Amino acid sequence: MPVISRFLGISIAMYYLDHEPPHFHVVAGGRRATVRLNDGAITGALPPRATTHVLEWLALHRDELEANWVRARRGLPLVAIAPLE
C-alpha cells in the first residue's frame, strides 16, 4: 500500500485497484480507518485529534486525492501529497 503523505504521526495511503467508493487509508496512534473522498465519512476509529487533522487535510487536497484514486485504479504510480502544516 503506497503511502502518499505523512504528518503529525499520521500515515495516509491508497491501495492499487481498491474497491469503490473512492477512499484512502489512515494509520494514526495505532489505529486504522478509511476515509471517503466525497464526504469524509470515516470507517474505523482514529484518535480525535488525528480525525480533525485528517479531515482538514482532506479538504485541502481533495482534487489531488481524486487524481491519485484514478491513478491507483489504472495501476499507475501515485503522486505524493503535501503534509498538513
PDB file of N, CA and C in Angstrom:
ATOM      1  N   MET A   1       0.861  -1.171   0.000  1.00  0.00           N
ATOM      2  CA  MET A   1       0.000   0.000   0.000  1.00  0.00           C
ATOM      3  C   MET A   1       0.904   1.231   0.000  1.00  0.00           C
ATOM      4  N   PRO A   2       0.913   1.988  -1.085  1.00  0.00           N
ATOM      5  CA  PRO A   2       1.767   3.180  -1.154  1.00  0.00           C
ATOM      6  C   PRO A   2       1.311   4.304  -0.221  1.00  0.00           C
ATOM      7  N   VAL A   3       2.235   4.763   0.599  1.00  0.00           N
ATOM      8  CA  VAL A   3       1.968   5.910   1.464  1.00  0.00           C
ATOM      9  C   VAL A   3       2.118   7.163   0.615  1.00  0.00           C
ATOM     10  N   ILE A   4       1.095   8.017   0.631  1.00  0.00           N
ATOM     11  CA  ILE A   4       1.132   9.227  -0.188  1.00  0.00           C
ATOM     12  C   ILE A   4       1.362  10.491   0.628  1.00  0.00           C
ATOM     13  N   SER A   5       1.233  10.386   1.962  1.00  0.00           N
ATOM     14  CA  SER A   5       1.524  11.539   2.817  1.00  0.00           C
ATOM     15  C   SER A   5       1.726  11.065   4.255  1.00  0.00           C
ATOM     16  N   ARG A   6       2.564  11.821   4.973  1.00  0.00           N
ATOM     17  CA  ARG A   6       2.788  11.575   6.405  1.00  0.00           C
ATOM     18  C   ARG A   6       2.879  12.916   7.106  1.00  0.00           C
ATOM     19  N   PHE A   7       2.191  13.038   8.227  1.00  0.00           N
ATOM     20  CA  PHE A   7       2.263  14.263   9.017  1.00  0.00           C
ATOM     21  C   PHE A   7       1.729  14.004  10.415  1.00  0.00           C
ATOM     22  N   LEU A   8       2.351  14.618  11.393  1.00  0.00           N
ATOM     23  CA  LEU A   8       1.890  14.591  12.787  1.00  0.00           C
ATOM     24  C   LEU A   8       1.605  13.176  13.291  1.00  0.00           C
ATOM     25  N   GLY A   9       2.431  12.219  12.882  1.00  0.00           N
ATOM     26  CA  GLY A   9       2.238  10.835  13.304  1.00  0.00           C
ATOM     27  C   GLY A   9       1.134  10.100  12.570  1.00  0.00           C
ATOM     28  N   ILE A  10       0.671  10.664  11.462  1.00  0.00           N
ATOM     29  CA  ILE A  10      -0.415  10.097  10.669  1.00  0.00           C
ATOM     30  C   ILE A  10       0.148   9.662   9.320  1.00  0.00           C
ATOM     31  N   SER A  11      -0.202   8.456   8.873  1.00  0.00           N
ATOM     32  CA  SER A  11       0.183   7.969   7.540  1.00  0.00           C
ATOM     33  C   SER A  11      -1.075   7.828   6.696  1.00  0.00           C
ATOM     34  N   ILE A  12      -0.990   8.328   5.466  1.00  0.00           N
ATOM     35  CA  ILE A  12      -2.105   8.259   4.516  1.00  0.00           C
ATOM     36  C   ILE A  12      -1.648   7.404   3.334  1.00  0.00           C
ATOM     37  N   ALA A  13      -2.475   6.446   2.940  1.00  0.00           N
ATOM     38  CA  ALA A  13      -2.110   5.552   1.843  1.00  0.00           C
ATOM     39  C   ALA A  13      -3.322   5.225   0.986  1.00  0.00           C
ATOM     40  N   MET A  14      -3.039   4.721  -0.219  1.00  0.00           N
ATOM     41  CA  MET A  14      -4.074   4.211  -1.108  1.00  0.00           C
ATOM     42  C   MET A  14      -3.598   2.865  -1.642  1.00  0.00           C
ATOM     43  N   TYR A  15      -4.549   1.943  -1.794  1.00  0.00           N
ATOM     44  CA  TYR A  15      -4.259   0.650  -2.412  1.00  0.00           C
ATOM     45  C   TYR A  15      -4.480   0.769  -3.916  1.00  0.00           C
ATOM     46  N   TYR A  16      -3.698   0.016  -4.676  1.00  0.00           N
ATOM     47  CA  TYR A  16      -3.965  -0.095  -6.106  1.00  0.00           C
ATOM     48  C   TYR A  16      -5.194  -0.970  -6.306  1.00  0.00           C
ATOM     49  N   LEU A  17      -6.006  -0.609  -7.283  1.00  0.00           N
ATOM     50  CA  LEU A  17      -7.188  -1.388  -7.659  1.00  0.00           C
ATOM     51  C   LEU A  17      -8.116  -1.645  -6.471  1.00  0.00           C
ATOM     52  N   ASP A  18      -8.246  -0.688  -5.587  1.00  0.00           N
ATOM     53  CA  ASP A  18      -9.094  -0.808  -4.402  1.00  0.00           C
ATOM     54  C   ASP A  18     -10.565  -0.697  -4.803  1.00  0.00           C
ATOM     55  N   HIS A  19     -11.442  -1.111  -3.909  1.00  0.00           N
ATOM     56  CA  HIS A  19     -12.889  -1.102  -4.157  1.00  0.00           C
ATOM     57  C   HIS A  19     -13.451   0.319  -4.091  1.00  0.00           C
ATOM     58  N   GLU A  20     -14.592   0.511  -4.712  1.00  0.00           N
ATOM     59  CA  GLU A  20     -15.337   1.767  -4.623  1.00  0.00           C
ATOM     60  C   GLU A  20     -16.035   1.826  -3.270  1.00  0.00           C
ATOM     61  N   PRO A  21     -16.442   2.964  -2.787  1.00  0.00           N
ATOM     62  CA  PRO A  21     -16.249   4.305  -3.332  1.00  0.00           C
ATOM     63  C   PRO A  21     -14.816   4.784  -3.092  1.00  0.00           C
ATOM     64  N   PRO A  22     -14.402   5.837  -3.818  1.00  0.00           N
ATOM     65  CA  PRO A  22     -13.047   6.373  -3.648  1.00  0.00           C
ATOM     66  C   PRO A  22     -12.768   6.735  -2.188  1.00  0.00           C
ATOM     67  N   HIS A  23     -11.613   6.282  -1.692  1.00  0.00           N
ATOM     68  CA  HIS A  23     -11.258   6.491  -0.292  1.00  0.00           C
ATOM     69  C   HIS A  23      -9.747   6.375  -0.122  1.00  0.00           C
ATOM     70  N   PHE A  24      -9.278   6.698   1.069  1.00  0.00           N
ATOM     71  CA  PHE A  24      -7.881   6.465   1.414  1.00  0.00           C
ATOM     72  C   PHE A  24      -7.826   5.818   2.793  1.00  0.00           C
ATOM     73  N   HIS A  25      -6.662   5.278   3.115  1.00  0.00           N
ATOM     74  CA  HIS A  25      -6.448   4.567   4.367  1.00  0.00           C
ATOM     75  C   HIS A  25      -5.587   5.420   5.288  1.00  0.00           C
ATOM     76  N   VAL A  26      -5.904   5.382   6.566  1.00  0.00           N
ATOM     77  CA  VAL A  26      -5.197   6.183   7.564  1.00  0.00           C
ATOM     78  C   VAL A  26      -4.722   5.266   8.695  1.00  0.00           C
ATOM     79  N   VAL A  27      -3.485   5.489   9.135  1.00  0.00           N
ATOM     80  CA  VAL A  27      -2.970   4.859  10.348  1.00  0.00           C
ATOM     81  C   VAL A  27      -2.504   5.989  11.249  1.00  0.00           C
ATOM     82  N   ALA A  28      -3.017   6.015  12.471  1.00  0.00           N
ATOM     83  CA  ALA A  28      -2.663   7.066  13.436  1.00  0.00           C
ATOM     84  C   ALA A  28      -2.855   6.528  14.849  1.00  0.00           C
ATOM     85  N   GLY A  29      -1.867   6.740  15.682  1.00  0.00           N
ATOM     86  CA  GLY A  29      -1.987   6.317  17.075  1.00  0.00           C
ATOM     87  C   GLY A  29      -2.287   4.846  17.237  1.00  0.00           C
ATOM     88  N   GLY A  30      -1.754   4.015  16.329  1.00  0.00           N
ATOM     89  CA  GLY A  30      -2.001   2.578  16.400  1.00  0.00           C
ATOM     90  C   GLY A  30      -3.378   2.159  15.929  1.00  0.00           C
ATOM     91  N   ARG A  31      -4.147   3.072  15.412  1.00  0.00           N
ATOM     92  CA  ARG A  31      -5.498   2.779  14.921  1.00  0.00           C
ATOM     93  C   ARG A  31      -5.547   2.935  13.409  1.00  0.00           C
ATOM     94  N   ARG A  32      -6.491   2.249  12.800  1.00  0.00           N
ATOM     95  CA  ARG A  32      -6.654   2.266  11.342  1.00  0.00           C
ATOM     96  C   ARG A  32      -8.077   2.668  10.976  1.00  0.00           C
ATOM     97  N   ALA A  33      -8.182   3.366   9.834  1.00  0.00           N
ATOM     98  CA  ALA A  33      -9.502   3.762   9.343  1.00  0.00           C
ATOM     99  C   ALA A  33      -9.407   4.014   7.844  1.00  0.00           C
ATOM    100  N   THR A  34     -10.565   4.072   7.211  1.00  0.00           N
ATOM    101  CA  THR A  34     -10.654   4.538   5.823  1.00  0.00           C
ATOM    102  C   THR A  34     -11.507   5.800   5.819  1.00  0.00           C
ATOM    103  N   VAL A  35     -11.214   6.680   4.854  1.00  0.00           N
ATOM    104  CA  VAL A  35     -11.925   7.954   4.751  1.00  0.00           C
ATOM    105  C   VAL A  35     -12.393   8.110   3.304  1.00  0.00           C
ATOM    106  N   ARG A  36     -13.700   8.285   3.113  1.00  0.00           N
ATOM    107  CA  ARG A  36     -14.248   8.508   1.767  1.00  0.00           C
ATOM    108  C   ARG A  36     -13.885   9.893   1.287  1.00  0.00           C
ATOM    109  N   LEU A  37     -13.539   9.977   0.003  1.00  0.00           N
ATOM    110  CA  LEU A  37     -13.134  11.256  -0.565  1.00  0.00           C
ATOM    111  C   LEU A  37     -14.290  12.237  -0.692  1.00  0.00           C
ATOM    112  N   ASN A  38     -15.468  11.766  -1.065  1.00  0.00           N
ATOM    113  CA  ASN A  38     -16.549  12.701  -1.372  1.00  0.00           C
ATOM    114  C   ASN A  38     -17.143  13.398  -0.153  1.00  0.00           C
ATOM    115  N   ASP A  39     -17.173  12.702   0.997  1.00  0.00           N
ATOM    116  CA  ASP A  39     -17.838  13.318   2.152  1.00  0.00           C
ATOM    117  C   ASP A  39     -17.057  13.211   3.462  1.00  0.00           C
ATOM    118  N   GLY A  40     -15.880  12.594   3.422  1.00  0.00           N
ATOM    119  CA  GLY A  40     -15.065  12.498   4.626  1.00  0.00           C
ATOM    120  C   GLY A  40     -15.566  11.496   5.653  1.00  0.00           C
ATOM    121  N   ALA A  41     -16.523  10.645   5.269  1.00  0.00           N
ATOM    122  CA  ALA A  41     -17.028   9.636   6.210  1.00  0.00           C
ATOM    123  C   ALA A  41     -15.896   8.683   6.583  1.00  0.00           C
ATOM    124  N   ILE A  42     -15.788   8.401   7.866  1.00  0.00           N
ATOM    125  CA  ILE A  42     -14.714   7.563   8.384  1.00  0.00           C
ATOM    126  C   ILE A  42     -15.275   6.212   8.821  1.00  0.00           C
ATOM    127  N   THR A  43     -14.616   5.157   8.361  1.00  0.00           N
ATOM    128  CA  THR A  43     -14.922   3.802   8.798  1.00  0.00           C
ATOM    129  C   THR A  43     -13.711   3.325   9.588  1.00  0.00           C
ATOM    130  N   GLY A  44     -13.925   2.972  10.837  1.00  0.00           N
ATOM    131  CA  GLY A  44     -12.829   2.612  11.722  1.00  0.00           C
ATOM    132  C   GLY A  44     -12.756   3.644  12.827  1.00  0.00           C
ATOM    133  N   ALA A  45     -11.661   3.633  13.553  1.00  0.00           N
ATOM    134  CA  ALA A  45     -11.539   4.545  14.685  1.00  0.00           C
ATOM    135  C   ALA A  45     -10.171   5.206  14.681  1.00  0.00           C
ATOM    136  N   LEU A  46     -10.164   6.509  14.777  1.00  0.00           N
ATOM    137  CA  LEU A  46      -8.935   7.289  14.890  1.00  0.00           C
ATOM    138  C   LEU A  46      -8.999   8.105  16.170  1.00  0.00           C
ATOM    139  N   PRO A  47      -7.847   8.452  16.722  1.00  0.00           N
ATOM    140  CA  PRO A  47      -7.866   9.370  17.857  1.00  0.00           C
ATOM    141  C   PRO A  47      -8.536  10.687  17.436  1.00  0.00           C
ATOM    142  N   PRO A  48      -9.242  11.347  18.336  1.00  0.00           N
ATOM    143  CA  PRO A  48      -9.968  12.573  17.983  1.00  0.00           C
ATOM    144  C   PRO A  48      -9.102  13.639  17.293  1.00  0.00           C
ATOM    145  N   ARG A  49      -7.915  13.874  17.801  1.00  0.00           N
ATOM    146  CA  ARG A  49      -7.049  14.893  17.194  1.00  0.00           C
ATOM    147  C   ARG A  49      -6.634  14.485  15.777  1.00  0.00           C
ATOM    148  N   ALA A  50      -6.349  13.209  15.564  1.00  0.00           N
ATOM    149  CA  ALA A  50      -5.994  12.718  14.227  1.00  0.00           C
ATOM    150  C   ALA A  50      -7.171  12.887  13.275  1.00  0.00           C
ATOM    151  N   THR A  51      -8.377  12.620  13.755  1.00  0.00           N
ATOM    152  CA  THR A  51      -9.571  12.790  12.919  1.00  0.00           C
ATOM    153  C   THR A  51      -9.668  14.236  12.427  1.00  0.00           C
ATOM    154  N   THR A  52      -9.472  15.178  13.318  1.00  0.00           N
ATOM    155  CA  THR A  52      -9.526  16.596  12.953  1.00  0.00           C
ATOM    156  C   THR A  52      -8.480  16.921  11.900  1.00  0.00           C
ATOM    157  N   HIS A  53      -7.257  16.455  12.105  1.00  0.00           N
ATOM    158  CA  HIS A  53      -6.173  16.737  11.161  1.00  0.00           C
ATOM    159  C   HIS A  53      -6.430  16.096   9.801  1.00  0.00           C
ATOM    160  N   VAL A  54      -6.887  14.855   9.799  1.00  0.00           N
ATOM    161  CA  VAL A  54      -7.135  14.146   8.540  1.00  0.00           C
ATOM    162  C   VAL A  54      -8.240  14.830   7.746  1.00  0.00           C
ATOM    163  N   LEU A  55      -9.312  15.235   8.395  1.00  0.00           N
ATOM    164  CA  LEU A  55     -10.405  15.896   7.672  1.00  0.00           C
ATOM    165  C   LEU A  55      -9.982  17.272   7.153  1.00  0.00           C
ATOM    166  N   GLU A  56      -9.160  17.981   7.901  1.00  0.00           N
ATOM    167  CA  GLU A  56      -8.626  19.256   7.415  1.00  0.00           C
ATOM    168  C   GLU A  56      -7.744  19.015   6.188  1.00  0.00           C
ATOM    169  N   TRP A  57      -6.887  18.016   6.256  1.00  0.00           N
ATOM    170  CA  TRP A  57      -6.004  17.675   5.140  1.00  0.00           C
ATOM    171  C   TRP A  57      -6.821  17.267   3.913  1.00  0.00           C
ATOM    172  N   LEU A  58      -7.859  16.463   4.110  1.00  0.00           N
ATOM    173  CA  LEU A  58      -8.749  16.061   3.014  1.00  0.00           C
ATOM    174  C   LEU A  58      -9.335  17.289   2.318  1.00  0.00           C
ATOM    175  N   ALA A  59      -9.821  18.237   3.085  1.00  0.00           N
ATOM    176  CA  ALA A  59     -10.424  19.442   2.498  1.00  0.00           C
ATOM    177  C   ALA A  59      -9.419  20.216   1.647  1.00  0.00           C
ATOM    178  N   LEU A  60      -8.166  20.212   2.056  1.00  0.00           N
ATOM    179  CA  LEU A  60      -7.129  20.941   1.317  1.00  0.00           C
ATOM    180  C   LEU A  60      -6.663  20.211   0.062  1.00  0.00           C
ATOM    181  N   HIS A  61      -6.788  18.892   0.041  1.00  0.00           N
ATOM    182  CA  HIS A  61      -6.157  18.098  -1.025  1.00  0.00           C
ATOM    183  C   HIS A  61      -7.126  17.168  -1.753  1.00  0.00           C
ATOM    184  N   ARG A  62      -8.406  17.449  -1.709  1.00  0.00           N
ATOM    185  CA  ARG A  62      -9.401  16.557  -2.328  1.00  0.00           C
ATOM    186  C   ARG A  62      -9.116  16.313  -3.812  1.00  0.00           C
ATOM    187  N   ASP A  63      -8.787  17.358  -4.577  1.00  0.00           N
ATOM    188  CA  ASP A  63      -8.527  17.184  -6.016  1.00  0.00           C
ATOM    189  C   ASP A  63      -7.334  16.266  -6.258  1.00  0.00           C
ATOM    190  N   GLU A  64      -6.279  16.442  -5.471  1.00  0.00           N
ATOM    191  CA  GLU A  64      -5.090  15.594  -5.613  1.00  0.00           C
ATOM    192  C   GLU A  64      -5.410  14.145  -5.233  1.00  0.00           C
ATOM    193  N   LEU A  65      -6.214  13.970  -4.219  1.00  0.00           N
ATOM    194  CA  LEU A  65      -6.615  12.629  -3.805  1.00  0.00           C
ATOM    195  C   LEU A  65      -7.460  11.954  -4.889  1.00  0.00           C
ATOM    196  N   GLU A  66      -8.371  12.702  -5.478  1.00  0.00           N
ATOM    197  CA  GLU A  66      -9.191  12.139  -6.559  1.00  0.00           C
ATOM    198  C   GLU A  66      -8.326  11.745  -7.747  1.00  0.00           C
ATOM    199  N   ALA A  67      -7.330  12.566  -8.077  1.00  0.00           N
ATOM    200  CA  ALA A  67      -6.416  12.233  -9.173  1.00  0.00           C
ATOM    201  C   ALA A  67      -5.616  10.974  -8.836  1.00  0.00           C
ATOM    202  N   ASN A  68      -5.170  10.846  -7.596  1.00  0.00           N
ATOM    203  CA  ASN A  68      -4.443   9.640  -7.186  1.00  0.00           C
ATOM    204  C   ASN A  68      -5.344   8.419  -7.219  1.00  0.00           C
ATOM    205  N   TRP A  69      -6.612   8.589  -6.870  1.00  0.00           N
ATOM    206  CA  TRP A  69      -7.552   7.461  -6.930  1.00  0.00           C
ATOM    207  C   TRP A  69      -7.626   6.930  -8.359  1.00  0.00           C
ATOM    208  N   VAL A  70      -7.730   7.827  -9.328  1.00  0.00           N
ATOM    209  CA  VAL A  70      -7.785   7.416 -10.734  1.00  0.00           C
ATOM    210  C   VAL A  70      -6.483   6.709 -11.121  1.00  0.00           C
ATOM    211  N   ARG A  71      -5.350   7.263 -10.712  1.00  0.00           N
ATOM    212  CA  ARG A  71      -4.063   6.619 -10.998  1.00  0.00           C
ATOM    213  C   ARG A  71      -4.010   5.207 -10.399  1.00  0.00           C
ATOM    214  N   ALA A  72      -4.430   5.090  -9.148  1.00  0.00           N
ATOM    215  CA  ALA A  72      -4.386   3.783  -8.484  1.00  0.00           C
ATOM    216  C   ALA A  72      -5.268   2.771  -9.204  1.00  0.00           C
ATOM    217  N   ARG A  73      -6.435   3.185  -9.612  1.00  0.00           N
ATOM    218  CA  ARG A  73      -7.356   2.282 -10.324  1.00  0.00           C
ATOM    219  C   ARG A  73      -6.768   1.828 -11.654  1.00  0.00           C
ATOM    220  N   ARG A  74      -5.915   2.654 -12.242  1.00  0.00           N
ATOM    221  CA  ARG A  74      -5.273   2.321 -13.521  1.00  0.00           C
ATOM    222  C   ARG A  74      -3.922   1.633 -13.331  1.00  0.00           C
ATOM    223  N   GLY A  75      -3.502   1.473 -12.070  1.00  0.00           N
ATOM    224  CA  GLY A  75      -2.225   0.834 -11.790  1.00  0.00           C
ATOM    225  C   GLY A  75      -1.022   1.723 -12.056  1.00  0.00           C
ATOM    226  N   LEU A  76      -1.240   3.038 -12.079  1.00  0.00           N
ATOM    227  CA  LEU A  76      -0.163   3.993 -12.335  1.00  0.00           C
ATOM    228  C   LEU A  76       0.477   4.442 -11.020  1.00  0.00           C
ATOM    229  N   PRO A  77       1.702   4.941 -11.086  1.00  0.00           N
ATOM    230  CA  PRO A  77       2.354   5.427  -9.862  1.00  0.00           C
ATOM    231  C   PRO A  77       1.556   6.562  -9.217  1.00  0.00           C
ATOM    232  N   LEU A  78       1.517   6.546  -7.893  1.00  0.00           N
ATOM    233  CA  LEU A  78       0.809   7.607  -7.168  1.00  0.00           C
ATOM    234  C   LEU A  78       1.744   8.770  -6.894  1.00  0.00           C
ATOM    235  N   VAL A  79       1.159   9.934  -6.731  1.00  0.00           N
ATOM    236  CA  VAL A  79       1.914  11.163  -6.502  1.00  0.00           C
ATOM    237  C   VAL A  79       1.812  11.523  -5.021  1.00  0.00           C
ATOM    238  N   ALA A  80       2.955  11.836  -4.418  1.00  0.00           N
ATOM    239  CA  ALA A  80       2.957  12.259  -3.010  1.00  0.00           C
ATOM    240  C   ALA A  80       2.168  13.548  -2.863  1.00  0.00           C
ATOM    241  N   ILE A  81       1.498  13.692  -1.735  1.00  0.00           N
ATOM    242  CA  ILE A  81       0.703  14.876  -1.448  1.00  0.00           C
ATOM    243  C   ILE A  81       1.305  15.560  -0.213  1.00  0.00           C
ATOM    244  N   ALA A  82       1.375  16.862  -0.272  1.00  0.00           N
ATOM    245  CA  ALA A  82       1.986  17.629   0.813  1.00  0.00           C
ATOM    246  C   ALA A  82       1.315  17.331   2.150  1.00  0.00           C
ATOM    247  N   PRO A  83       2.104  17.305   3.208  1.00  0.00           N
ATOM    248  CA  PRO A  83       1.536  17.064   4.536  1.00  0.00           C
ATOM    249  C   PRO A  83       0.801  18.294   5.051  1.00  0.00           C
ATOM    250  N   LEU A  84       0.039  18.088   6.089  1.00  0.00           N
ATOM    251  CA  LEU A  84      -0.621  19.192   6.796  1.00  0.00           C
ATOM    252  C   LEU A  84       0.445  19.928   7.585  1.00  0.00           C
ATOM    253  N   GLU A  85       0.464  21.229   7.456  1.00  0.00           N
ATOM    254  CA  GLU A  85       1.484  22.040   8.161  1.00  0.00           C
ATOM    255  C   GLU A  85       0.870  22.821   9.289  1.00  0.00           C
TER     256      GLU A  85
END
